[in-house]
């Protein structure tokens, strides 16, 4: 396989940009192709069969762009559709839940692990299952924090409103003697500082995106698939530069605005596409 092929990433919307950022920071020589399925977000209200169909369509679209590995940045798709996606494409597929679970178990060392996520991810029990497969004796507390998503997207991460919401969601968890708290939604790292202050600075926060990026780096190294560039080329690489290609299925302008909030810069190359029909791309 060509080492210089890009890594594909898909999410139901903009949250996966935090996974993209983590990957870019750890693998600056790599190119990325990102797909945000903004026409069909949220996935959390959809049935299993629908999430599987969406995930497969997204994966096949990215595979057609010529990628060497696929990262499913969406927690819902990782929880419900990862096996179906893996069976549908001929490339390695990595989700965000198992890497996050492994990182949490390693750090918690037998103490209670809390997982904060969207309602759909909590209802799936995916993190608890993944954690207990690694260590059946670890207690897991899962808590849905749905308002964190719009707070992150609106740029209110440091507001008094966000602090009030965080206090409400996390107050009971502060009494649980936690060994780790998993940020089980790709939006939540945007509120990481606030969550850390509210839950207590002694509780390690596990960013599933960062854990996934570490796993992808190890996987590429083991398969000798890491891209290589000169030191000068690496120094010139920036987030969202024209080597990285971003696709959305709707609302490109809003995606660009939220991307700038999340990453500090808007995508240089952003196009809208209908992944279910592979129609002609419409450039924005």
C-alpha atoms as a PDB file:
ATOM      1  CA  UNK A   1       0.000   0.000   0.000  1.00  0.00           C
ATOM      2  CA  UNK A   2       1.154   3.544  -0.783  1.00  0.00           C
ATOM      3  CA  UNK A   3       2.410   5.098   2.460  1.00  0.00           C
ATOM      4  CA  UNK A   4       1.308   8.541   1.330  1.00  0.00           C
ATOM      5  CA  UNK A   5      -2.375   7.681   0.987  1.00  0.00           C
ATOM      6  CA  UNK A   6      -4.499   9.734   3.409  1.00  0.00           C
ATOM      7  CA  UNK A   7      -6.283   8.568   6.539  1.00  0.00           C
ATOM      8  CA  UNK A   8     -10.079   8.762   6.349  1.00  0.00           C
ATOM      9  CA  UNK A   9     -12.202  10.054   9.234  1.00  0.00           C
ATOM     10  CA  UNK A  10     -15.966  10.282   9.464  1.00  0.00           C
ATOM     11  CA  UNK A  11     -18.365  11.621  12.047  1.00  0.00           C
ATOM     12  CA  UNK A  12     -22.060  12.405  12.089  1.00  0.00           C
ATOM     13  CA  UNK A  13     -21.146  16.098  12.192  1.00  0.00           C
ATOM     14  CA  UNK A  14     -18.452  18.416  13.509  1.00  0.00           C
ATOM     15  CA  UNK A  15     -17.470  16.658  16.745  1.00  0.00           C
ATOM     16  CA  UNK A  16     -15.017  14.388  14.974  1.00  0.00           C
ATOM     17  CA  UNK A  17     -12.848  17.414  14.300  1.00  0.00           C
ATOM     18  CA  UNK A  18     -11.386  16.922  17.784  1.00  0.00           C
ATOM     19  CA  UNK A  19     -10.302  13.435  16.659  1.00  0.00           C
ATOM     20  CA  UNK A  20      -8.844  14.939  13.476  1.00  0.00           C
ATOM     21  CA  UNK A  21      -6.890  17.420  15.596  1.00  0.00           C
ATOM     22  CA  UNK A  22      -5.524  14.663  17.845  1.00  0.00           C
ATOM     23  CA  UNK A  23      -4.481  12.612  14.822  1.00  0.00           C
ATOM     24  CA  UNK A  24      -2.865  15.612  13.135  1.00  0.00           C
ATOM     25  CA  UNK A  25      -0.864  16.452  16.267  1.00  0.00           C
ATOM     26  CA  UNK A  26       0.512  12.916  16.603  1.00  0.00           C
ATOM     27  CA  UNK A  27       0.906  12.199  12.900  1.00  0.00           C
ATOM     28  CA  UNK A  28       1.887  15.516  11.281  1.00  0.00           C
ATOM     29  CA  UNK A  29       3.225  13.829   8.146  1.00  0.00           C
ATOM     30  CA  UNK A  30      -0.144  12.259   7.335  1.00  0.00           C
ATOM     31  CA  UNK A  31      -2.841  13.664   5.081  1.00  0.00           C
ATOM     32  CA  UNK A  32      -6.492  13.348   6.081  1.00  0.00           C
ATOM     33  CA  UNK A  33      -9.865  13.127   4.384  1.00  0.00           C
ATOM     34  CA  UNK A  34     -12.725  14.062   6.724  1.00  0.00           C
ATOM     35  CA  UNK A  35     -16.444  13.479   6.149  1.00  0.00           C
ATOM     36  CA  UNK A  36     -19.076  15.126   8.351  1.00  0.00           C
ATOM     37  CA  UNK A  37     -22.531  13.665   7.694  1.00  0.00           C
ATOM     38  CA  UNK A  38     -24.211  16.939   8.603  1.00  0.00           C
ATOM     39  CA  UNK A  39     -27.365  16.208   6.568  1.00  0.00           C
ATOM     40  CA  UNK A  40     -28.251  13.235   8.769  1.00  0.00           C
ATOM     41  CA  UNK A  41     -26.986  14.290  12.188  1.00  0.00           C
ATOM     42  CA  UNK A  42     -27.753  13.262  14.921  1.00  0.00           C
ATOM     43  CA  UNK A  43     -27.201   9.510  14.694  1.00  0.00           C
ATOM     44  CA  UNK A  44     -28.249   8.952  18.298  1.00  0.00           C
ATOM     45  CA  UNK A  45     -31.974   9.058  17.508  1.00  0.00           C
ATOM     46  CA  UNK A  46     -31.697   6.536  14.665  1.00  0.00           C
ATOM     47  CA  UNK A  47     -32.248   2.781  14.694  1.00  0.00           C
ATOM     48  CA  UNK A  48     -29.403   0.261  14.605  1.00  0.00           C
ATOM     49  CA  UNK A  49     -30.061  -0.601  10.960  1.00  0.00           C
ATOM     50  CA  UNK A  50     -30.087   3.074   9.971  1.00  0.00           C
ATOM     51  CA  UNK A  51     -26.830   3.841  11.784  1.00  0.00           C
ATOM     52  CA  UNK A  52     -25.248   0.819  10.108  1.00  0.00           C
ATOM     53  CA  UNK A  53     -26.435   1.995   6.689  1.00  0.00           C
ATOM     54  CA  UNK A  54     -25.178   5.530   7.257  1.00  0.00           C
ATOM     55  CA  UNK A  55     -21.848   4.243   8.535  1.00  0.00           C
ATOM     56  CA  UNK A  56     -21.362   1.905   5.582  1.00  0.00           C
ATOM     57  CA  UNK A  57     -22.229   4.632   3.081  1.00  0.00           C
ATOM     58  CA  UNK A  58     -19.785   7.010   4.725  1.00  0.00           C
ATOM     59  CA  UNK A  59     -17.074   4.368   4.845  1.00  0.00           C
ATOM     60  CA  UNK A  60     -17.507   3.394   1.203  1.00  0.00           C
ATOM     61  CA  UNK A  61     -17.391   7.027   0.135  1.00  0.00           C
ATOM     62  CA  UNK A  62     -14.110   7.569   1.956  1.00  0.00           C
ATOM     63  CA  UNK A  63     -12.690   4.283   0.696  1.00  0.00           C
ATOM     64  CA  UNK A  64     -13.401   5.508  -2.838  1.00  0.00           C
ATOM     65  CA  UNK A  65     -11.207   8.563  -2.126  1.00  0.00           C
ATOM     66  CA  UNK A  66      -8.227   6.240  -1.770  1.00  0.00           C
ATOM     67  CA  UNK A  67      -7.420   5.992   1.945  1.00  0.00           C
ATOM     68  CA  UNK A  68      -5.141   3.594   3.795  1.00  0.00           C
ATOM     69  CA  UNK A  69      -7.096   3.450   7.066  1.00  0.00           C
ATOM     70  CA  UNK A  70     -10.510   4.566   8.331  1.00  0.00           C
ATOM     71  CA  UNK A  71     -11.233   6.151  11.712  1.00  0.00           C
ATOM     72  CA  UNK A  72     -14.869   6.110  12.815  1.00  0.00           C
ATOM     73  CA  UNK A  73     -14.850   9.234  14.987  1.00  0.00           C
ATOM     74  CA  UNK A  74     -18.573   9.053  15.789  1.00  0.00           C
ATOM     75  CA  UNK A  75     -19.232   7.395  19.163  1.00  0.00           C
ATOM     76  CA  UNK A  76     -22.709   6.231  18.122  1.00  0.00           C
ATOM     77  CA  UNK A  77     -21.430   4.625  14.923  1.00  0.00           C
ATOM     78  CA  UNK A  78     -18.502   3.098  16.838  1.00  0.00           C
ATOM     79  CA  UNK A  79     -20.904   1.678  19.409  1.00  0.00           C
ATOM     80  CA  UNK A  80     -23.502   0.294  17.020  1.00  0.00           C
ATOM     81  CA  UNK A  81     -22.027  -0.169  13.566  1.00  0.00           C
ATOM     82  CA  UNK A  82     -18.283  -0.882  13.737  1.00  0.00           C
ATOM     83  CA  UNK A  83     -18.533  -4.609  12.796  1.00  0.00           C
ATOM     84  CA  UNK A  84     -20.850  -3.837   9.853  1.00  0.00           C
ATOM     85  CA  UNK A  85     -18.549  -1.066   8.650  1.00  0.00           C
ATOM     86  CA  UNK A  86     -15.486  -3.298   8.936  1.00  0.00           C
ATOM     87  CA  UNK A  87     -17.179  -6.002   6.880  1.00  0.00           C
ATOM     88  CA  UNK A  88     -18.182  -3.527   4.168  1.00  0.00           C
ATOM     89  CA  UNK A  89     -14.749  -2.126   3.294  1.00  0.00           C
ATOM     90  CA  UNK A  90     -11.327  -3.562   2.483  1.00  0.00           C
ATOM     91  CA  UNK A  91      -9.296  -1.326   4.783  1.00  0.00           C
ATOM     92  CA  UNK A  92      -8.508  -1.325   8.486  1.00  0.00           C
ATOM     93  CA  UNK A  93     -11.228   0.366  10.578  1.00  0.00           C
ATOM     94  CA  UNK A  94     -10.638   1.909  14.022  1.00  0.00           C
ATOM     95  CA  UNK A  95     -13.406   3.193  16.311  1.00  0.00           C
ATOM     96  CA  UNK A  96     -13.127   5.531  19.286  1.00  0.00           C
ATOM     97  CA  UNK A  97     -14.703   3.477  22.069  1.00  0.00           C
ATOM     98  CA  UNK A  98     -12.256   0.621  22.592  1.00  0.00           C
ATOM     99  CA  UNK A  99      -9.152   2.865  22.610  1.00  0.00           C
ATOM    100  CA  UNK A 100     -10.835   5.136  25.141  1.00  0.00           C
ATOM    101  CA  UNK A 101     -11.829   2.163  27.285  1.00  0.00           C
ATOM    102  CA  UNK A 102      -8.299   0.748  27.258  1.00  0.00           C
ATOM    103  CA  UNK A 103      -6.772   4.082  28.225  1.00  0.00           C
ATOM    104  CA  UNK A 104      -9.256   4.489  31.087  1.00  0.00           C
ATOM    105  CA  UNK A 105      -8.622   1.019  32.528  1.00  0.00           C
ATOM    106  CA  UNK A 106      -4.868   1.535  32.385  1.00  0.00           C
ATOM    107  CA  UNK A 107      -5.048   4.844  34.244  1.00  0.00           C
ATOM    108  CA  UNK A 108      -7.837   3.990  36.729  1.00  0.00           C
ATOM    109  CA  UNK A 109      -6.043   0.848  37.999  1.00  0.00           C
ATOM    110  CA  UNK A 110      -9.151  -0.793  39.397  1.00  0.00           C
ATOM    111  CA  UNK A 111     -10.910   2.326  40.666  1.00  0.00           C
ATOM    112  CA  UNK A 112     -14.330   3.433  39.430  1.00  0.00           C
ATOM    113  CA  UNK A 113     -14.480   4.847  35.899  1.00  0.00           C
ATOM    114  CA  UNK A 114     -17.090   7.419  34.904  1.00  0.00           C
ATOM    115  CA  UNK A 115     -18.142   7.892  31.286  1.00  0.00           C
ATOM    116  CA  UNK A 116     -19.914  11.043  30.165  1.00  0.00           C
ATOM    117  CA  UNK A 117     -21.470  10.878  26.706  1.00  0.00           C
ATOM    118  CA  UNK A 118     -24.598  11.532  24.683  1.00  0.00           C
ATOM    119  CA  UNK A 119     -27.820   9.784  25.601  1.00  0.00           C
ATOM    120  CA  UNK A 120     -27.491   7.339  22.690  1.00  0.00           C
ATOM    121  CA  UNK A 121     -23.974   6.279  23.645  1.00  0.00           C
ATOM    122  CA  UNK A 122     -24.942   5.865  27.294  1.00  0.00           C
ATOM    123  CA  UNK A 123     -28.012   3.828  26.366  1.00  0.00           C
ATOM    124  CA  UNK A 124     -25.880   1.549  24.202  1.00  0.00           C
ATOM    125  CA  UNK A 125     -23.674   0.708  27.193  1.00  0.00           C
ATOM    126  CA  UNK A 126     -20.770   0.430  24.756  1.00  0.00           C
ATOM    127  CA  UNK A 127     -18.132   1.960  27.013  1.00  0.00           C
ATOM    128  CA  UNK A 128     -19.164  -0.114  30.027  1.00  0.00           C
ATOM    129  CA  UNK A 129     -19.042  -3.278  27.914  1.00  0.00           C
ATOM    130  CA  UNK A 130     -15.638  -2.398  26.496  1.00  0.00           C
ATOM    131  CA  UNK A 131     -14.233  -1.529  29.928  1.00  0.00           C
ATOM    132  CA  UNK A 132     -15.608  -4.686  31.559  1.00  0.00           C
ATOM    133  CA  UNK A 133     -14.224  -6.867  28.777  1.00  0.00           C
ATOM    134  CA  UNK A 134     -10.795  -5.565  29.741  1.00  0.00           C
ATOM    135  CA  UNK A 135     -11.399  -5.643  33.511  1.00  0.00           C
ATOM    136  CA  UNK A 136     -14.646  -7.292  34.655  1.00  0.00           C
ATOM    137  CA  UNK A 137     -14.175  -5.976  38.183  1.00  0.00           C
ATOM    138  CA  UNK A 138     -14.075  -2.284  37.328  1.00  0.00           C
ATOM    139  CA  UNK A 139     -17.197  -0.334  38.270  1.00  0.00           C
ATOM    140  CA  UNK A 140     -18.451   1.950  35.521  1.00  0.00           C
ATOM    141  CA  UNK A 141     -20.804   4.908  35.953  1.00  0.00           C
ATOM    142  CA  UNK A 142     -22.271   6.344  32.755  1.00  0.00           C
ATOM    143  CA  UNK A 143     -23.851   9.786  32.622  1.00  0.00           C
ATOM    144  CA  UNK A 144     -25.574  11.484  29.678  1.00  0.00           C
ATOM    145  CA  UNK A 145     -24.596  15.149  29.226  1.00  0.00           C
ATOM    146  CA  UNK A 146     -26.474  16.168  26.054  1.00  0.00           C
ATOM    147  CA  UNK A 147     -26.257  19.955  26.554  1.00  0.00           C
ATOM    148  CA  UNK A 148     -22.464  19.866  26.280  1.00  0.00           C
ATOM    149  CA  UNK A 149     -22.822  19.419  22.509  1.00  0.00           C
ATOM    150  CA  UNK A 150     -24.623  22.702  21.694  1.00  0.00           C
ATOM    151  CA  UNK A 151     -22.500  24.566  24.245  1.00  0.00           C
ATOM    152  CA  UNK A 152     -19.352  23.412  22.417  1.00  0.00           C
ATOM    153  CA  UNK A 153     -20.728  24.247  18.983  1.00  0.00           C
ATOM    154  CA  UNK A 154     -21.908  27.712  20.008  1.00  0.00           C
ATOM    155  CA  UNK A 155     -18.545  28.603  21.504  1.00  0.00           C
ATOM    156  CA  UNK A 156     -19.885  28.806  25.066  1.00  0.00           C
ATOM    157  CA  UNK A 157     -17.365  26.427  26.614  1.00  0.00           C
ATOM    158  CA  UNK A 158     -16.090  29.032  29.084  1.00  0.00           C
ATOM    159  CA  UNK A 159     -19.413  30.673  29.884  1.00  0.00           C
ATOM    160  CA  UNK A 160     -21.283  30.825  33.171  1.00  0.00           C
ATOM    161  CA  UNK A 161     -24.059  28.838  31.519  1.00  0.00           C
ATOM    162  CA  UNK A 162     -21.633  26.017  30.671  1.00  0.00           C
ATOM    163  CA  UNK A 163     -20.312  25.971  34.231  1.00  0.00           C
ATOM    164  CA  UNK A 164     -23.833  25.770  35.647  1.00  0.00           C
ATOM    165  CA  UNK A 165     -24.683  22.879  33.311  1.00  0.00           C
ATOM    166  CA  UNK A 166     -21.458  21.065  34.183  1.00  0.00           C
ATOM    167  CA  UNK A 167     -22.112  21.451  37.903  1.00  0.00           C
ATOM    168  CA  UNK A 168     -25.570  19.966  37.435  1.00  0.00           C
ATOM    169  CA  UNK A 169     -24.350  17.010  35.376  1.00  0.00           C
ATOM    170  CA  UNK A 170     -21.237  16.169  37.375  1.00  0.00           C
ATOM    171  CA  UNK A 171     -22.031  17.006  40.978  1.00  0.00           C
ATOM    172  CA  UNK A 172     -22.835  13.429  42.021  1.00  0.00           C
ATOM    173  CA  UNK A 173     -19.769  12.049  40.263  1.00  0.00           C
ATOM    174  CA  UNK A 174     -17.477  14.082  42.496  1.00  0.00           C
ATOM    175  CA  UNK A 175     -18.433  11.793  45.387  1.00  0.00           C
ATOM    176  CA  UNK A 176     -17.553   8.558  43.544  1.00  0.00           C
ATOM    177  CA  UNK A 177     -13.745   8.421  44.159  1.00  0.00           C
ATOM    178  CA  UNK A 178     -13.090   8.145  40.450  1.00  0.00           C
ATOM    179  CA  UNK A 179      -9.949   6.684  38.924  1.00  0.00           C
ATOM    180  CA  UNK A 180     -10.729   8.250  35.533  1.00  0.00           C
ATOM    181  CA  UNK A 181     -13.454  10.083  33.658  1.00  0.00           C
ATOM    182  CA  UNK A 182     -13.922   9.314  29.964  1.00  0.00           C
ATOM    183  CA  UNK A 183     -14.970  12.119  27.622  1.00  0.00           C
ATOM    184  CA  UNK A 184     -17.199   9.808  25.592  1.00  0.00           C
ATOM    185  CA  UNK A 185     -18.346  12.314  22.998  1.00  0.00           C
ATOM    186  CA  UNK A 186     -16.125  13.997  20.429  1.00  0.00           C
ATOM    187  CA  UNK A 187     -17.525  17.433  21.369  1.00  0.00           C
ATOM    188  CA  UNK A 188     -16.551  17.162  25.025  1.00  0.00           C
ATOM    189  CA  UNK A 189     -12.801  17.905  24.687  1.00  0.00           C
ATOM    190  CA  UNK A 190     -13.835  21.456  23.790  1.00  0.00           C
ATOM    191  CA  UNK A 191     -15.079  21.738  27.395  1.00  0.00           C
ATOM    192  CA  UNK A 192     -12.175  19.797  28.878  1.00  0.00           C
ATOM    193  CA  UNK A 193     -10.813  22.576  31.100  1.00  0.00           C
ATOM    194  CA  UNK A 194     -14.245  23.324  32.526  1.00  0.00           C
ATOM    195  CA  UNK A 195     -15.055  19.648  33.106  1.00  0.00           C
ATOM    196  CA  UNK A 196     -11.713  19.188  34.840  1.00  0.00           C
ATOM    197  CA  UNK A 197     -12.337  22.116  37.157  1.00  0.00           C
ATOM    198  CA  UNK A 198     -15.809  20.882  38.087  1.00  0.00           C
ATOM    199  CA  UNK A 199     -14.969  17.188  38.538  1.00  0.00           C
ATOM    200  CA  UNK A 200     -11.708  17.920  40.341  1.00  0.00           C
ATOM    201  CA  UNK A 201      -8.153  18.241  39.069  1.00  0.00           C
ATOM    202  CA  UNK A 202      -7.189  14.942  40.738  1.00  0.00           C
ATOM    203  CA  UNK A 203      -9.437  12.951  38.360  1.00  0.00           C
ATOM    204  CA  UNK A 204      -7.664  12.037  35.087  1.00  0.00           C
ATOM    205  CA  UNK A 205      -9.710  12.910  31.995  1.00  0.00           C
ATOM    206  CA  UNK A 206      -9.576  10.433  29.108  1.00  0.00           C
ATOM    207  CA  UNK A 207     -10.091  11.921  25.667  1.00  0.00           C
ATOM    208  CA  UNK A 208     -11.206   9.036  23.439  1.00  0.00           C
ATOM    209  CA  UNK A 209      -9.979  10.951  20.400  1.00  0.00           C
ATOM    210  CA  UNK A 210      -6.464  11.209  21.832  1.00  0.00           C
ATOM    211  CA  UNK A 211      -6.506   7.529  22.779  1.00  0.00           C
ATOM    212  CA  UNK A 212      -7.650   6.648  19.267  1.00  0.00           C
ATOM    213  CA  UNK A 213      -4.897   8.760  17.736  1.00  0.00           C
ATOM    214  CA  UNK A 214      -2.307   6.905  19.811  1.00  0.00           C
ATOM    215  CA  UNK A 215      -3.762   3.588  18.654  1.00  0.00           C
ATOM    216  CA  UNK A 216      -3.719   4.690  15.007  1.00  0.00           C
ATOM    217  CA  UNK A 217      -0.074   5.753  15.330  1.00  0.00           C
ATOM    218  CA  UNK A 218       0.870   2.364  16.774  1.00  0.00           C
ATOM    219  CA  UNK A 219      -1.123   0.558  14.102  1.00  0.00           C
ATOM    220  CA  UNK A 220       0.535   2.460  11.245  1.00  0.00           C
ATOM    221  CA  UNK A 221       3.971   1.828  12.727  1.00  0.00           C
ATOM    222  CA  UNK A 222       3.312  -1.898  13.156  1.00  0.00           C
ATOM    223  CA  UNK A 223       2.170  -2.153   9.540  1.00  0.00           C
ATOM    224  CA  UNK A 224       4.955   0.159   8.317  1.00  0.00           C
ATOM    225  CA  UNK A 225       2.385   2.527   6.828  1.00  0.00           C
ATOM    226  CA  UNK A 226       3.433   5.842   8.391  1.00  0.00           C
ATOM    227  CA  UNK A 227       3.975   8.614   5.888  1.00  0.00           C
ATOM    228  CA  UNK A 228       7.370  10.294   5.878  1.00  0.00           C
ATOM    229  CA  UNK A 229       8.268  13.909   5.202  1.00  0.00           C
ATOM    230  CA  UNK A 230      11.280  16.135   5.651  1.00  0.00           C
ATOM    231  CA  UNK A 231      11.674  18.206   8.821  1.00  0.00           C
ATOM    232  CA  UNK A 232      10.914  21.364   6.853  1.00  0.00           C
ATOM    233  CA  UNK A 233       7.738  19.873   5.396  1.00  0.00           C
ATOM    234  CA  UNK A 234       6.586  18.831   8.878  1.00  0.00           C
ATOM    235  CA  UNK A 235       7.233  22.311  10.233  1.00  0.00           C
ATOM    236  CA  UNK A 236       5.081  23.795   7.476  1.00  0.00           C
ATOM    237  CA  UNK A 237       2.131  21.467   8.036  1.00  0.00           C
ATOM    238  CA  UNK A 238      -0.871  23.157   9.611  1.00  0.00           C
ATOM    239  CA  UNK A 239      -4.341  22.096  10.673  1.00  0.00           C
ATOM    240  CA  UNK A 240      -6.861  22.263   7.833  1.00  0.00           C
ATOM    241  CA  UNK A 241      -4.264  23.099   5.164  1.00  0.00           C
ATOM    242  CA  UNK A 242      -4.883  22.296   1.527  1.00  0.00           C
ATOM    243  CA  UNK A 243      -3.413  18.796   1.903  1.00  0.00           C
ATOM    244  CA  UNK A 244      -6.402  17.821   4.054  1.00  0.00           C
ATOM    245  CA  UNK A 245      -9.768  17.485   2.327  1.00  0.00           C
ATOM    246  CA  UNK A 246     -13.062  18.009   4.154  1.00  0.00           C
ATOM    247  CA  UNK A 247     -16.471  16.872   2.939  1.00  0.00           C
ATOM    248  CA  UNK A 248     -19.914  17.524   4.399  1.00  0.00           C
ATOM    249  CA  UNK A 249     -23.348  16.302   3.362  1.00  0.00           C
ATOM    250  CA  UNK A 250     -25.049  19.632   4.199  1.00  0.00           C
ATOM    251  CA  UNK A 251     -24.581  23.029   5.874  1.00  0.00           C
ATOM    252  CA  UNK A 252     -21.020  23.665   4.721  1.00  0.00           C
ATOM    253  CA  UNK A 253     -20.968  27.252   5.947  1.00  0.00           C
ATOM    254  CA  UNK A 254     -21.998  26.304   9.486  1.00  0.00           C
ATOM    255  CA  UNK A 255     -19.468  23.460   9.472  1.00  0.00           C
ATOM    256  CA  UNK A 256     -16.726  25.918   8.542  1.00  0.00           C
ATOM    257  CA  UNK A 257     -17.721  28.296  11.350  1.00  0.00           C
ATOM    258  CA  UNK A 258     -17.799  25.551  13.988  1.00  0.00           C
ATOM    259  CA  UNK A 259     -14.527  24.135  12.670  1.00  0.00           C
ATOM    260  CA  UNK A 260     -12.923  27.507  13.240  1.00  0.00           C
ATOM    261  CA  UNK A 261     -14.207  27.501  16.841  1.00  0.00           C
ATOM    262  CA  UNK A 262     -12.913  23.973  17.439  1.00  0.00           C
ATOM    263  CA  UNK A 263      -9.595  24.200  15.615  1.00  0.00           C
ATOM    264  CA  UNK A 264      -8.799  27.893  15.386  1.00  0.00           C
ATOM    265  CA  UNK A 265      -8.923  27.787  11.602  1.00  0.00           C
ATOM    266  CA  UNK A 266     -11.482  26.927   8.917  1.00  0.00           C
ATOM    267  CA  UNK A 267     -10.881  24.126   6.377  1.00  0.00           C
ATOM    268  CA  UNK A 268      -8.998  25.241   3.263  1.00  0.00           C
ATOM    269  CA  UNK A 269     -10.710  22.602   1.133  1.00  0.00           C
ATOM    270  CA  UNK A 270     -14.375  22.007   1.968  1.00  0.00           C
ATOM    271  CA  UNK A 271     -16.882  20.376  -0.357  1.00  0.00           C
ATOM    272  CA  UNK A 272     -20.455  19.134  -0.090  1.00  0.00           C
ATOM    273  CA  UNK A 273     -21.360  15.688  -1.376  1.00  0.00           C
ATOM    274  CA  UNK A 274     -24.245  13.218  -1.277  1.00  0.00           C
ATOM    275  CA  UNK A 275     -22.509  10.098  -0.014  1.00  0.00           C
ATOM    276  CA  UNK A 276     -25.527   7.903  -0.644  1.00  0.00           C
ATOM    277  CA  UNK A 277     -25.451   8.645  -4.381  1.00  0.00           C
ATOM    278  CA  UNK A 278     -21.851   9.675  -5.028  1.00  0.00           C
ATOM    279  CA  UNK A 279     -23.227  12.586  -7.034  1.00  0.00           C
ATOM    280  CA  UNK A 280     -20.986  15.325  -8.361  1.00  0.00           C
ATOM    281  CA  UNK A 281     -19.326  17.357  -5.643  1.00  0.00           C
ATOM    282  CA  UNK A 282     -20.477  20.909  -5.151  1.00  0.00           C
ATOM    283  CA  UNK A 283     -17.661  23.200  -4.022  1.00  0.00           C
ATOM    284  CA  UNK A 284     -18.341  25.871  -1.401  1.00  0.00           C
END
